[in-house]
Amino acid sequence: MRSAYLLLISTLLLLLAFPGSRGRYSDDFDDNEDLADFDDNDFAEFEDMNEDPTADAETASPPRASQAAQPEEEEEEEDEATVELEDGQDGFEDSETQDQDIYSKYDQEEFEGIGDMEKTSHSMKDPLIIHTVPAHLQNSWESYYMEILMVTGLLAYIMNYIIGKNKNSRLAHAWFNSHRELLESNFALVGDDGTSKEAVSTGKLNQENEHIYNLWCSGRVCCEGMLIQLKFLKRQDLLNVLARMMRPACDQVQIKVTLNDEDMDTFVFAVGTKKAMAKLQKEMQDLSEFCGDKPKSGAKYGIPDSLSILSEMGEVTDGVMDSKMVHYITNHADKIESIHFSDQFSGPKVMQEEGQPLKLPDTKKTLLFTFNVPGMGNTSPKDMDTLLPLMNMVIYSIDKVKKLRLNREGKQKADRNRARVEENFLKQTHAQRQEAAQTRREEKKRAEKERIMNEEDPERQRRLEEAAQRREQKKIEKKQMKMKQIKVKAM
């Protein structure tokens, strides 16, 4: 009986204890949402521990505060989830407070400037500093002085090109207008440009470039043609203009007259300035071969001392320098650069670097005139009119050379001079001609051997070799016979 009474009492106690605990558990978690919040906060605490181990002490306090506040929440009948959220917000400190706690753990004397850093970070911001722009980066005219100089130089070159080209053109047309009547009266064709098959007189100059103009004339007795070349200074070139300031020069008129073979005798003659004669004798093939003596003074004939004469023989000088010719030369000595008459004219010498020719160069009977335009570079169109008397001298020289004939002794001396020049030339080129002949023979033998080797038939190849050996044997026998004949004649 007593045991049954004890069992009943224990059962009542259990019933009384079970509803209380269940109600307290249900009060803590009213709904599923509060349970989820609790679980999330619980895992968030572990996540915070993994991310920042040093903050364990700080993050551990909020759960304790929430557990201590549970009885108070039961009495005030408030939602525990809301209380935990508010307590959690109070428990977490901001980043600035944490930084201050971290810095407070260290010795202020060991880490200097930490307090200043905190003050400056909160109290003030970095001031705006405006730097001064360097002078070479400033946008001003001084930064473009190189470009300004280049543009100025380019404009100066263009302007000089236009002005210089126009001036040369005016000078050329001024010369042609002053000489046109004289040329048309002595030549049937004036100004042929060579573009058409038939010779047509164009009556105008041919411009080769900005400073050279040509004029071709033909259709006159004893004259194949006359080429007039106006060589002006390079006024269109600014660099040339600057160079002429240091070394002045003058414009020139060059005239080349080609005569028929029967209209000129065999002689070489030249007259001009001493400097020009020395240069021509050194560079021209005919003057260096037929006028070996030094240039002689022309005082004997009454010409100025500034001029000198080169002549193949004295008879030629006496025949050319008549009174009218001396009159032209004396009155216009300042305009005459050189006058060159030659029946062996072949141009400048062949330089050794270019190779020695194996035959004499072709020669033409030619009269050459070179005149200087007055003004020494500062030429005006009126200065071109002063060259008209020199053109009259050219026409007179053509007729003079046609009439000039050497006597018998002069003719024989001229022929001996030409034979001597030809003989010296052959001696100089004898070795080269032998080398050329030997080269041709070797090439011929090489071609013959190649032809034999390329023959496919052995029998025919053998016959060709025997024929080549017989030819070589005959050549050797002929040489031996010649040597014997020479020995017999010598005895």
Protein backbone atom coordinates (compact mmCIF):
# COMPACT_ATOMS: atom_id res chain seq x y z
CA MET A 1 0.00 0.00 0.00
CA ARG A 2 2.80 2.26 0.94
CA SER A 3 4.63 1.54 -2.32
CA ALA A 4 1.58 2.45 -4.35
CA TYR A 5 1.30 5.72 -2.49
CA LEU A 6 4.92 6.60 -3.31
CA LEU A 7 4.42 5.77 -7.00
CA LEU A 8 1.43 8.11 -7.15
CA ILE A 9 3.36 10.97 -5.59
CA SER A 10 6.27 10.59 -8.00
CA THR A 11 3.88 10.57 -10.94
CA LEU A 12 2.27 13.84 -9.85
CA LEU A 13 5.62 15.46 -9.41
CA LEU A 14 6.61 14.46 -12.93
CA LEU A 15 3.38 15.86 -14.34
CA LEU A 16 3.91 19.11 -12.53
CA ALA A 17 7.51 19.43 -13.74
CA PHE A 18 6.86 18.57 -17.42
CA PRO A 19 4.38 21.41 -18.27
CA GLY A 20 6.63 24.01 -16.69
CA SER A 21 9.70 23.08 -18.67
CA ARG A 22 7.69 22.82 -21.83
CA GLY A 23 6.16 26.22 -21.30
CA ARG A 24 9.55 27.75 -20.64
CA TYR A 25 10.97 26.12 -23.78
CA SER A 26 7.97 27.32 -25.81
CA ASP A 27 8.31 30.80 -24.35
CA ASP A 28 11.94 30.95 -25.47
CA PHE A 29 11.01 29.83 -28.99
CA ASP A 30 7.55 31.09 -29.84
CA ASP A 31 7.67 30.19 -33.48
CA ASN A 32 9.91 28.62 -36.05
CA GLU A 33 11.28 32.01 -37.05
CA ASP A 34 12.75 32.64 -33.59
CA LEU A 35 14.38 29.21 -33.68
CA ALA A 36 15.99 29.95 -37.00
CA ASP A 37 17.27 33.27 -35.68
CA PHE A 38 18.80 31.57 -32.74
CA ASP A 39 20.52 28.99 -34.90
CA ASP A 40 21.83 31.68 -37.22
CA ASN A 41 23.23 33.72 -34.38
CA ASP A 42 24.84 30.68 -32.91
CA PHE A 43 26.66 29.77 -36.17
CA ALA A 44 27.51 33.41 -36.77
CA GLU A 45 29.36 33.40 -33.49
CA PHE A 46 31.53 30.48 -34.68
CA GLU A 47 32.13 32.20 -37.98
CA ASP A 48 33.31 35.33 -36.18
CA MET A 49 35.70 33.18 -34.19
CA ASN A 50 37.17 31.71 -37.37
CA GLU A 51 37.56 35.07 -39.07
CA ASP A 52 39.04 37.04 -36.16
CA PRO A 53 40.48 34.94 -33.34
CA THR A 54 41.72 38.02 -31.48
CA ALA A 55 38.14 39.20 -30.96
CA ASP A 56 37.01 36.10 -29.01
CA ALA A 57 36.93 37.93 -25.72
CA GLU A 58 34.86 40.75 -27.15
CA THR A 59 32.36 38.55 -29.02
CA ALA A 60 31.85 36.18 -26.07
CA SER A 61 30.17 38.79 -23.84
CA PRO A 62 26.91 39.23 -25.82
CA PRO A 63 25.69 35.62 -25.26
CA ARG A 64 26.25 35.95 -21.51
CA ALA A 65 24.33 39.20 -21.44
CA SER A 66 21.49 37.57 -23.35
CA GLN A 67 21.34 34.60 -20.91
CA ALA A 68 21.35 36.92 -17.90
CA ALA A 69 18.55 38.95 -19.38
CA GLN A 70 16.23 35.91 -19.87
CA PRO A 71 14.50 36.15 -16.39
CA GLU A 72 13.95 39.82 -16.89
CA GLU A 73 12.40 39.16 -20.29
CA GLU A 74 9.96 36.59 -18.75
CA GLU A 75 8.80 39.09 -16.20
CA GLU A 76 8.41 41.92 -18.73
CA GLU A 77 6.79 39.49 -21.30
CA GLU A 78 8.86 40.74 -24.28
CA ASP A 79 10.12 38.86 -27.32
CA GLU A 80 13.48 37.34 -26.56
CA ALA A 81 14.61 37.51 -30.18
CA THR A 82 14.21 41.27 -30.18
CA VAL A 83 16.14 41.59 -26.92
CA GLU A 84 18.97 39.45 -28.26
CA LEU A 85 19.21 41.60 -31.40
CA GLU A 86 19.42 44.78 -29.35
CA ASP A 87 21.94 43.29 -26.97
CA GLY A 88 23.97 42.01 -29.93
CA GLN A 89 24.09 45.48 -31.42
CA ASP A 90 25.31 46.85 -28.11
CA GLY A 91 27.88 44.08 -27.79
CA PHE A 92 29.65 44.71 -31.19
CA GLU A 93 31.86 47.71 -31.31
CA ASP A 94 32.64 49.69 -34.44
CA SER A 95 35.95 49.39 -36.27
CA GLU A 96 37.32 52.64 -34.92
CA THR A 97 36.79 51.51 -31.30
CA GLN A 98 38.51 48.20 -32.06
CA ASP A 99 41.49 50.02 -33.61
CA GLN A 100 41.77 52.17 -30.49
CA ASP A 101 41.70 49.02 -28.28
CA ILE A 102 44.42 47.41 -30.39
CA TYR A 103 46.67 50.47 -30.27
CA SER A 104 46.06 50.79 -26.52
CA LYS A 105 47.69 47.40 -25.94
CA TYR A 106 51.03 48.62 -27.23
CA ASP A 107 53.51 50.93 -25.60
CA GLN A 108 52.94 54.54 -26.61
CA GLU A 109 56.64 55.33 -26.29
CA GLU A 110 57.71 52.46 -28.54
CA PHE A 111 55.20 53.27 -31.32
CA GLU A 112 55.49 56.98 -31.83
CA GLY A 113 53.07 58.91 -33.97
CA ILE A 114 50.11 56.56 -33.52
CA GLY A 115 48.15 59.14 -31.61
CA ASP A 116 48.93 61.78 -34.16
CA MET A 117 47.74 59.44 -36.92
CA GLU A 118 44.42 58.96 -35.13
CA LYS A 119 43.97 62.65 -34.62
CA THR A 120 44.83 63.58 -38.15
CA SER A 121 42.58 60.86 -39.59
CA HIS A 122 39.57 62.21 -37.64
CA SER A 123 40.26 65.90 -37.42
CA MET A 124 41.46 66.96 -40.87
CA LYS A 125 41.81 65.88 -44.46
CA ASP A 126 44.86 66.09 -46.82
CA PRO A 127 45.19 69.62 -48.22
CA LEU A 128 44.97 70.15 -52.04
CA ILE A 129 48.45 70.93 -53.37
CA ILE A 130 48.72 72.71 -56.77
CA HIS A 131 52.10 72.16 -58.43
CA THR A 132 53.66 74.69 -60.80
CA VAL A 133 53.79 73.48 -64.45
CA PRO A 134 57.39 73.39 -65.83
CA ALA A 135 58.30 76.06 -68.37
CA HIS A 136 58.96 73.56 -71.17
CA LEU A 137 55.44 72.12 -70.76
CA GLN A 138 53.61 75.42 -70.79
CA ASN A 139 51.54 76.21 -73.86
CA SER A 140 53.34 79.31 -75.13
CA TRP A 141 55.09 80.49 -78.30
CA GLU A 142 58.47 79.81 -76.73
CA SER A 143 57.71 76.09 -76.80
CA TYR A 144 57.44 76.08 -80.62
CA TYR A 145 60.59 77.93 -81.62
CA MET A 146 61.94 74.87 -83.54
CA GLU A 147 58.72 74.54 -85.52
CA ILE A 148 58.72 78.27 -86.21
CA LEU A 149 62.29 78.12 -87.52
CA MET A 150 61.52 75.14 -89.75
CA VAL A 151 58.40 76.74 -91.21
CA THR A 152 60.26 80.02 -91.75
CA GLY A 153 63.11 78.23 -93.52
CA LEU A 154 60.69 76.29 -95.71
CA LEU A 155 58.84 79.46 -96.70
CA ALA A 156 62.15 81.20 -97.45
CA TYR A 157 63.25 78.28 -99.66
CA ILE A 158 59.95 78.28 -101.57
CA MET A 159 60.03 82.02 -102.10
CA ASN A 160 63.66 81.91 -103.23
CA TYR A 161 62.84 79.05 -105.63
CA ILE A 162 60.04 81.02 -107.27
CA ILE A 163 62.03 84.27 -107.47
CA GLY A 164 65.21 82.59 -108.76
CA LYS A 165 63.39 80.54 -111.37
CA ASN A 166 61.53 83.57 -112.69
CA LYS A 167 64.72 85.64 -112.88
CA ASN A 168 66.57 82.96 -114.89
CA SER A 169 63.60 82.76 -117.21
CA ARG A 170 63.60 86.54 -117.73
CA LEU A 171 67.34 86.56 -118.45
CA ALA A 172 67.02 83.73 -120.98
CA HIS A 173 64.20 85.39 -122.87
CA ALA A 174 66.04 88.73 -122.78
CA TRP A 175 69.09 87.10 -124.42
CA PHE A 176 66.96 85.36 -127.05
CA ASN A 177 65.04 88.52 -127.92
CA SER A 178 68.27 90.46 -128.45
CA HIS A 179 69.91 87.72 -130.59
CA ARG A 180 66.92 86.38 -132.46
CA GLU A 181 67.24 88.65 -135.50
CA LEU A 182 70.96 87.84 -135.96
CA LEU A 183 70.37 84.10 -135.64
CA GLU A 184 67.44 84.01 -138.04
CA SER A 185 69.45 85.94 -140.63
CA ASN A 186 72.34 83.41 -140.53
CA PHE A 187 70.52 80.10 -139.94
CA ALA A 188 67.53 78.62 -141.68
CA LEU A 189 66.34 76.77 -138.58
CA VAL A 190 66.30 78.36 -135.14
CA GLY A 191 64.96 76.55 -132.10
CA ASP A 192 64.41 72.93 -133.17
CA ASP A 193 63.37 70.91 -130.12
CA GLY A 194 64.00 67.51 -131.77
CA THR A 195 60.57 66.08 -130.92
CA SER A 196 59.32 65.87 -134.52
CA LYS A 197 60.80 63.75 -137.31
CA GLU A 198 61.15 66.72 -139.61
CA ALA A 199 63.23 69.73 -138.60
CA VAL A 200 60.88 72.52 -137.63
CA SER A 201 61.89 75.99 -136.48
CA THR A 202 60.08 76.67 -133.21
CA GLY A 203 61.61 80.08 -132.63
CA LYS A 204 61.93 79.61 -128.86
CA LEU A 205 64.32 78.30 -126.24
CA ASN A 206 64.17 74.78 -124.83
CA GLN A 207 64.30 74.68 -121.04
CA GLU A 208 66.38 71.77 -119.77
CA ASN A 209 65.86 72.70 -116.11
CA GLU A 210 65.42 75.79 -113.95
CA HIS A 211 68.88 77.21 -114.78
CA ILE A 212 69.84 75.74 -118.19
CA TYR A 213 68.28 76.72 -121.54
CA ASN A 214 69.24 75.30 -124.95
CA LEU A 215 68.87 76.58 -128.50
CA TRP A 216 69.69 74.53 -131.61
CA CYS A 217 70.40 76.27 -134.91
CA SER A 218 71.23 74.73 -138.30
CA GLY A 219 70.92 75.39 -142.02
CA ARG A 220 74.10 77.35 -142.82
CA VAL A 221 76.97 76.91 -145.25
CA CYS A 222 79.99 74.89 -143.92
CA CYS A 223 78.17 74.26 -140.64
CA GLU A 224 76.32 71.15 -139.53
CA GLY A 225 74.74 72.91 -136.59
CA MET A 226 75.23 75.19 -133.63
CA LEU A 227 74.15 74.45 -130.07
CA ILE A 228 73.79 77.40 -127.71
CA GLN A 229 73.52 76.65 -124.02
CA LEU A 230 72.66 79.32 -121.46
CA LYS A 231 74.02 78.21 -118.08
CA PHE A 232 72.67 80.49 -115.39
CA LEU A 233 73.44 80.35 -111.70
CA LYS A 234 71.22 78.15 -109.54
CA ARG A 235 69.22 81.05 -108.24
CA GLN A 236 66.33 78.73 -107.41
CA ASP A 237 68.53 76.90 -104.87
CA LEU A 238 68.77 78.73 -101.54
CA LEU A 239 71.91 76.84 -100.50
CA ASN A 240 73.64 77.80 -103.73
CA VAL A 241 72.66 81.42 -103.19
CA LEU A 242 74.23 81.35 -99.73
CA ALA A 243 77.38 79.71 -101.11
CA ARG A 244 77.76 82.41 -103.76
CA MET A 245 77.89 85.01 -101.01
CA MET A 246 81.22 83.50 -99.98
CA ARG A 247 82.42 82.64 -103.50
CA PRO A 248 80.87 84.81 -106.24
CA ALA A 249 80.28 83.36 -109.71
CA CYS A 250 78.75 84.52 -112.99
CA ASP A 251 76.36 83.22 -115.63
CA GLN A 252 77.81 81.74 -118.82
CA VAL A 253 76.87 81.27 -122.45
CA GLN A 254 78.43 78.23 -124.14
CA ILE A 255 78.33 77.83 -127.93
CA LYS A 256 79.36 74.67 -129.79
CA VAL A 257 79.65 74.80 -133.60
CA THR A 258 80.12 71.52 -135.51
CA LEU A 259 81.73 71.99 -138.95
CA ASN A 260 81.81 69.73 -141.97
CA ASP A 261 84.93 67.59 -142.42
CA GLU A 262 86.02 69.41 -145.59
CA ASP A 263 85.46 72.88 -144.19
CA MET A 264 88.30 72.92 -141.64
CA ASP A 265 92.00 72.23 -141.94
CA THR A 266 94.04 70.15 -139.47
CA PHE A 267 94.99 72.36 -136.52
CA VAL A 268 94.25 72.94 -132.82
CA PHE A 269 94.07 76.43 -131.32
CA ALA A 270 92.76 78.02 -128.12
CA VAL A 271 92.73 81.45 -126.48
CA GLY A 272 91.27 82.54 -123.15
CA THR A 273 92.05 83.42 -119.57
CA LYS A 274 95.19 81.91 -118.05
CA LYS A 275 93.20 79.91 -115.55
CA ALA A 276 90.85 78.55 -118.21
CA MET A 277 93.74 77.62 -120.54
CA ALA A 278 95.57 75.71 -117.82
CA LYS A 279 92.40 73.83 -116.96
CA LEU A 280 91.55 72.99 -120.58
CA GLN A 281 95.07 71.80 -121.35
CA LYS A 282 94.88 69.45 -118.40
CA GLU A 283 91.39 68.10 -119.05
CA MET A 284 90.85 68.15 -122.83
CA GLN A 285 92.25 65.27 -124.87
CA ASP A 286 93.21 67.27 -128.01
CA LEU A 287 94.86 70.19 -126.20
CA SER A 288 96.94 67.89 -123.99
CA GLU A 289 98.21 65.90 -127.01
CA PHE A 290 98.73 68.56 -129.69
CA CYS A 291 99.51 71.62 -127.54
CA GLY A 292 102.11 70.33 -125.15
CA ASP A 293 103.80 73.69 -124.57
CA LYS A 294 102.75 76.05 -121.81
CA PRO A 295 100.23 78.78 -122.63
CA LYS A 296 101.90 81.80 -124.22
CA SER A 297 101.14 85.46 -123.80
CA GLY A 298 99.17 87.26 -126.50
CA ALA A 299 100.98 90.59 -126.15
CA LYS A 300 102.55 90.03 -129.58
CA TYR A 301 99.09 90.31 -131.16
CA GLY A 302 97.89 93.16 -128.97
CA ILE A 303 95.46 91.24 -126.76
CA PRO A 304 95.30 91.92 -122.97
CA ASP A 305 97.78 90.25 -120.63
CA SER A 306 94.93 88.49 -118.82
CA LEU A 307 94.55 86.23 -121.88
CA SER A 308 96.90 83.49 -123.09
CA ILE A 309 97.17 81.34 -126.22
CA LEU A 310 97.57 77.62 -126.86
CA SER A 311 98.44 76.64 -130.45
CA GLU A 312 99.66 73.56 -132.27
CA MET A 313 102.00 75.67 -134.43
CA GLY A 314 102.82 79.34 -134.94
CA GLU A 315 101.31 79.41 -138.42
CA VAL A 316 97.88 78.65 -137.00
CA THR A 317 98.12 81.51 -134.51
CA ASP A 318 99.10 83.98 -137.24
CA GLY A 319 96.23 82.80 -139.42
CA VAL A 320 93.53 83.01 -136.74
CA MET A 321 94.58 86.21 -134.96
CA ASP A 322 93.88 88.74 -137.69
CA SER A 323 92.97 92.35 -137.02
CA LYS A 324 89.21 91.82 -136.80
CA MET A 325 89.54 88.85 -134.46
CA VAL A 326 91.94 90.81 -132.25
CA HIS A 327 89.45 93.70 -132.21
CA TYR A 328 86.65 91.43 -130.93
CA ILE A 329 88.88 89.85 -128.29
CA THR A 330 90.37 93.15 -127.06
CA ASN A 331 87.07 95.00 -126.72
CA HIS A 332 85.32 92.13 -124.94
CA ALA A 333 88.16 90.53 -123.00
CA ASP A 334 86.21 90.74 -119.73
CA LYS A 335 83.42 88.58 -121.20
CA ILE A 336 85.61 85.93 -122.88
CA GLU A 337 86.35 82.80 -120.86
CA SER A 338 87.75 80.61 -123.65
CA ILE A 339 87.78 80.09 -127.46
CA HIS A 340 88.71 76.63 -128.69
CA PHE A 341 89.17 75.50 -132.35
CA SER A 342 90.05 71.85 -133.03
CA ASP A 343 89.81 69.24 -135.76
CA GLN A 344 90.53 66.48 -133.18
CA PHE A 345 87.95 67.38 -130.57
CA SER A 346 86.81 64.31 -128.60
CA GLY A 347 85.90 65.83 -125.26
CA PRO A 348 87.60 65.40 -121.89
CA LYS A 349 90.30 62.85 -121.23
CA VAL A 350 89.37 59.29 -120.36
CA MET A 351 90.36 58.78 -116.72
CA GLN A 352 92.46 55.78 -115.79
CA GLU A 353 89.76 54.51 -113.41
CA GLU A 354 87.32 54.26 -116.30
CA GLY A 355 89.63 51.99 -118.32
CA GLN A 356 91.84 52.66 -121.32
CA PRO A 357 89.99 52.48 -124.67
CA LEU A 358 91.29 50.02 -127.28
CA LYS A 359 90.82 52.43 -130.19
CA LEU A 360 91.14 56.12 -130.78
CA PRO A 361 88.03 58.11 -129.79
CA ASP A 362 85.88 59.58 -132.53
CA THR A 363 86.74 63.18 -133.32
CA LYS A 364 84.78 66.09 -134.74
CA LYS A 365 85.85 69.42 -136.20
CA THR A 366 84.44 71.78 -133.62
CA LEU A 367 84.53 75.41 -132.51
CA LEU A 368 83.82 76.06 -128.82
CA PHE A 369 83.09 79.46 -127.23
CA THR A 370 82.50 80.23 -123.56
CA PHE A 371 81.39 83.75 -122.59
CA ASN A 372 80.83 85.25 -119.13
CA VAL A 373 77.71 87.34 -118.60
CA PRO A 374 78.46 90.74 -116.97
CA GLY A 375 77.25 91.48 -113.46
CA MET A 376 79.06 88.72 -111.53
CA GLY A 377 75.80 87.12 -110.48
CA ASN A 378 73.81 90.38 -110.19
CA THR A 379 72.78 90.21 -113.83
CA SER A 380 69.94 92.24 -115.27
CA PRO A 381 68.10 91.70 -118.58
CA LYS A 382 69.96 94.70 -120.05
CA ASP A 383 73.30 92.94 -119.52
CA MET A 384 72.25 90.22 -121.95
CA ASP A 385 72.26 92.77 -124.79
CA THR A 386 76.01 93.32 -124.34
CA LEU A 387 76.69 89.77 -125.58
CA LEU A 388 75.43 90.50 -129.09
CA PRO A 389 78.91 91.54 -130.45
CA LEU A 390 80.30 88.21 -129.27
CA MET A 391 77.69 86.37 -131.34
CA ASN A 392 78.92 88.36 -134.33
CA MET A 393 82.42 87.13 -133.51
CA VAL A 394 81.12 83.53 -133.56
CA ILE A 395 79.65 84.00 -137.04
CA TYR A 396 82.89 85.60 -138.23
CA SER A 397 84.97 82.72 -136.75
CA ILE A 398 82.97 80.16 -138.72
CA ASP A 399 83.76 81.91 -141.98
CA LYS A 400 87.36 82.52 -140.91
CA VAL A 401 88.09 78.86 -140.14
CA LYS A 402 86.55 77.78 -143.44
CA LYS A 403 88.94 80.03 -145.36
CA LEU A 404 92.05 79.24 -143.28
CA ARG A 405 94.40 76.78 -145.03
CA LEU A 406 97.84 75.67 -143.93
CA ASN A 407 100.82 75.72 -146.28
CA ARG A 408 102.65 72.58 -147.29
CA GLU A 409 105.07 72.54 -144.39
CA GLY A 410 102.32 73.23 -141.86
CA LYS A 411 100.20 70.48 -143.34
CA GLN A 412 103.05 67.96 -143.12
CA LYS A 413 103.81 68.93 -139.53
CA ALA A 414 100.16 68.53 -138.58
CA ASP A 415 100.05 65.07 -140.21
CA ARG A 416 103.20 63.99 -138.35
CA ASN A 417 101.70 65.13 -135.08
CA ARG A 418 98.59 63.07 -135.66
CA ALA A 419 100.61 60.02 -136.67
CA ARG A 420 102.72 60.40 -133.53
CA VAL A 421 99.62 60.60 -131.33
CA GLU A 422 98.16 57.50 -132.96
CA GLU A 423 101.40 55.57 -132.57
CA ASN A 424 101.68 56.49 -128.89
CA PHE A 425 98.12 55.42 -128.38
CA LEU A 426 98.74 52.05 -130.00
CA LYS A 427 101.80 51.49 -127.83
CA GLN A 428 99.86 52.26 -124.71
CA THR A 429 97.05 49.91 -125.69
CA HIS A 430 99.24 47.15 -127.16
CA ALA A 431 99.33 45.13 -123.96
CA GLN A 432 95.61 45.52 -123.49
CA ARG A 433 94.93 44.45 -127.05
CA GLN A 434 97.09 41.36 -126.55
CA GLU A 435 95.23 40.49 -123.41
CA ALA A 436 91.92 40.95 -125.22
CA ALA A 437 93.09 38.69 -128.10
CA GLN A 438 94.30 36.04 -125.66
CA THR A 439 90.97 36.14 -123.86
CA ARG A 440 89.12 35.66 -127.13
CA ARG A 441 91.32 32.65 -128.03
CA GLU A 442 90.77 31.04 -124.65
CA GLU A 443 87.04 31.50 -124.91
CA LYS A 444 87.09 29.92 -128.37
CA LYS A 445 89.05 26.90 -127.08
CA ARG A 446 86.73 26.52 -124.12
CA ALA A 447 83.69 26.54 -126.39
CA GLU A 448 85.31 23.91 -128.64
CA LYS A 449 86.04 21.62 -125.69
CA GLU A 450 82.52 21.96 -124.36
CA ARG A 451 81.14 21.04 -127.77
CA ILE A 452 83.34 17.93 -127.85
CA MET A 453 82.41 16.88 -124.32
CA ASN A 454 78.71 17.29 -125.04
CA GLU A 455 78.94 14.93 -128.00
CA GLU A 456 77.15 11.67 -127.15
CA ASP A 457 78.67 9.52 -129.91
CA PRO A 458 82.14 8.29 -128.74
CA GLU A 459 83.40 7.81 -132.30
CA ARG A 460 82.40 11.31 -133.37
CA GLN A 461 83.90 12.70 -130.17
CA ARG A 462 87.20 11.03 -130.98
CA ARG A 463 87.23 12.45 -134.53
CA LEU A 464 86.56 15.97 -133.19
CA GLU A 465 89.46 15.69 -130.74
CA GLU A 466 91.80 14.55 -133.50
CA ALA A 467 90.73 17.45 -135.72
CA ALA A 468 91.39 19.93 -132.90
CA GLN A 469 94.86 18.45 -132.32
CA ARG A 470 95.70 18.73 -136.04
CA ARG A 471 94.70 22.42 -136.05
CA GLU A 472 96.91 23.10 -133.06
CA GLN A 473 99.80 21.27 -134.73
CA LYS A 474 99.44 23.34 -137.90
CA LYS A 475 99.51 26.56 -135.91
CA ILE A 476 102.71 25.49 -134.17
CA GLU A 477 104.34 24.60 -137.51
CA LYS A 478 103.41 27.98 -138.99
CA LYS A 479 105.00 29.77 -136.06
CA GLN A 480 108.18 27.72 -136.46
CA MET A 481 108.34 28.54 -140.20
CA LYS A 482 108.02 32.24 -139.46
CA MET A 483 110.82 32.07 -136.92
CA LYS A 484 113.07 30.32 -139.45
CA GLN A 485 112.33 32.93 -142.10
CA ILE A 486 113.16 35.73 -139.65
CA LYS A 487 116.51 34.08 -138.82
CA VAL A 488 117.38 33.66 -142.51
CA LYS A 489 116.65 37.31 -143.22
CA ALA A 490 118.73 38.37 -140.25
CA MET A 491 121.73 36.39 -141.59
